[in-house]
Amino acid sequence: MAGTKAGGLKAAQKNLAKDPNFYAKIGAKGGRNGNTGGFAANPELARVAGAKGGRISRRTKKAA
C-alpha cells in the first residue's frame, strides 16, 4: 500500500512503535541544520544596512 494515505498512516504507526521520539528527532535535525543567519544572527549588520537604506531613500522628507 505504498503511496496511499492508509500506507502512510501504517508507516507512521510503525515508526512510532519503534521509537516514540522518531518525529521529534527528525524535527530537531532540521532545526540544527538551519543556516539562515543574516540579520537575525548579526544585529550590527542590520543596523549598517538600515542606515544605508535610509541614506538612499527615495521618499520625500516630512515637514516638521
C-alpha atoms as a PDB file:
ATOM      1  CA  MET A   1       0.000   0.000   0.000  1.00  0.00           C
ATOM      2  CA  ALA A   2       2.927   2.306  -0.531  1.00  0.00           C
ATOM      3  CA  GLY A   3       1.968   5.763  -1.705  1.00  0.00           C
ATOM      4  CA  THR A   4      -1.520   5.804  -0.181  1.00  0.00           C
ATOM      5  CA  LYS A   5      -2.857   7.593   2.859  1.00  0.00           C
ATOM      6  CA  ALA A   6      -3.503   4.272   4.603  1.00  0.00           C
ATOM      7  CA  GLY A   7       0.060   3.146   3.872  1.00  0.00           C
ATOM      8  CA  GLY A   8       1.463   6.379   5.241  1.00  0.00           C
ATOM      9  CA  LEU A   9      -0.523   6.034   8.462  1.00  0.00           C
ATOM     10  CA  LYS A  10       0.662   2.455   8.823  1.00  0.00           C
ATOM     11  CA  ALA A  11       4.285   3.508   8.349  1.00  0.00           C
ATOM     12  CA  ALA A  12       3.867   6.322  10.893  1.00  0.00           C
ATOM     13  CA  GLN A  13       2.478   3.879  13.456  1.00  0.00           C
ATOM     14  CA  LYS A  14       5.411   1.532  12.867  1.00  0.00           C
ATOM     15  CA  ASN A  15       7.943   4.372  13.227  1.00  0.00           C
ATOM     16  CA  LEU A  16       6.350   5.482  16.499  1.00  0.00           C
ATOM     17  CA  ALA A  17       6.245   1.896  17.782  1.00  0.00           C
ATOM     18  CA  LYS A  18       9.995   1.533  17.201  1.00  0.00           C
ATOM     19  CA  ASP A  19      10.851   4.962  18.637  1.00  0.00           C
ATOM     20  CA  PRO A  20       8.293   7.254  20.333  1.00  0.00           C
ATOM     21  CA  ASN A  21      10.548  10.253  19.630  1.00  0.00           C
ATOM     22  CA  PHE A  22      11.017   9.423  15.935  1.00  0.00           C
ATOM     23  CA  TYR A  23       9.430  12.576  14.525  1.00  0.00           C
ATOM     24  CA  ALA A  24      10.836  14.836  17.253  1.00  0.00           C
ATOM     25  CA  LYS A  25      14.336  13.658  16.330  1.00  0.00           C
ATOM     26  CA  ILE A  26      13.739  14.395  12.651  1.00  0.00           C
ATOM     27  CA  GLY A  27      12.484  17.874  13.505  1.00  0.00           C
ATOM     28  CA  ALA A  28      15.459  18.560  15.749  1.00  0.00           C
ATOM     29  CA  LYS A  29      17.860  17.589  12.956  1.00  0.00           C
ATOM     30  CA  GLY A  30      16.151  20.020  10.623  1.00  0.00           C
ATOM     31  CA  GLY A  31      16.325  22.804  13.179  1.00  0.00           C
ATOM     32  CA  ARG A  32      20.033  22.283  13.770  1.00  0.00           C
ATOM     33  CA  ASN A  33      20.632  22.181  10.040  1.00  0.00           C
ATOM     34  CA  GLY A  34      19.262  25.686   9.508  1.00  0.00           C
ATOM     35  CA  ASN A  35      21.710  28.163   8.038  1.00  0.00           C
ATOM     36  CA  THR A  36      19.629  31.288   7.541  1.00  0.00           C
ATOM     37  CA  GLY A  37      21.915  33.553   9.554  1.00  0.00           C
ATOM     38  CA  GLY A  38      21.630  37.048   8.095  1.00  0.00           C
ATOM     39  CA  PHE A  39      20.271  39.902  10.175  1.00  0.00           C
ATOM     40  CA  ALA A  40      18.885  37.605  12.865  1.00  0.00           C
ATOM     41  CA  ALA A  41      22.420  36.421  13.615  1.00  0.00           C
ATOM     42  CA  ASN A  42      24.125  39.816  13.272  1.00  0.00           C
ATOM     43  CA  PRO A  43      22.276  42.923  14.591  1.00  0.00           C
ATOM     44  CA  GLU A  44      25.213  45.197  13.755  1.00  0.00           C
ATOM     45  CA  LEU A  45      24.946  44.198  10.094  1.00  0.00           C
ATOM     46  CA  ALA A  46      21.235  45.012  10.198  1.00  0.00           C
ATOM     47  CA  ARG A  47      21.965  48.453  11.666  1.00  0.00           C
ATOM     48  CA  VAL A  48      24.504  49.272   8.936  1.00  0.00           C
ATOM     49  CA  ALA A  49      22.199  48.066   6.164  1.00  0.00           C
ATOM     50  CA  GLY A  50      19.293  50.083   7.559  1.00  0.00           C
ATOM     51  CA  ALA A  51      21.427  53.204   7.653  1.00  0.00           C
ATOM     52  CA  LYS A  52      22.440  52.708   4.008  1.00  0.00           C
ATOM     53  CA  GLY A  53      18.803  52.264   3.037  1.00  0.00           C
ATOM     54  CA  GLY A  54      17.854  55.429   4.899  1.00  0.00           C
ATOM     55  CA  ARG A  55      20.518  57.439   3.096  1.00  0.00           C
ATOM     56  CA  ILE A  56      19.372  56.383  -0.372  1.00  0.00           C
ATOM     57  CA  SER A  57      15.666  56.527   0.409  1.00  0.00           C
ATOM     58  CA  ARG A  58      13.516  57.982  -2.375  1.00  0.00           C
ATOM     59  CA  ARG A  59      10.807  59.148  -0.003  1.00  0.00           C
ATOM     60  CA  THR A  60      10.432  62.860   0.496  1.00  0.00           C
ATOM     61  CA  LYS A  61      11.266  64.265   3.909  1.00  0.00           C
ATOM     62  CA  LYS A  62       8.264  65.167   6.044  1.00  0.00           C
ATOM     63  CA  ALA A  63       7.911  68.797   7.080  1.00  0.00           C
ATOM     64  CA  ALA A  64       8.210  69.047  10.850  1.00  0.00           C
END
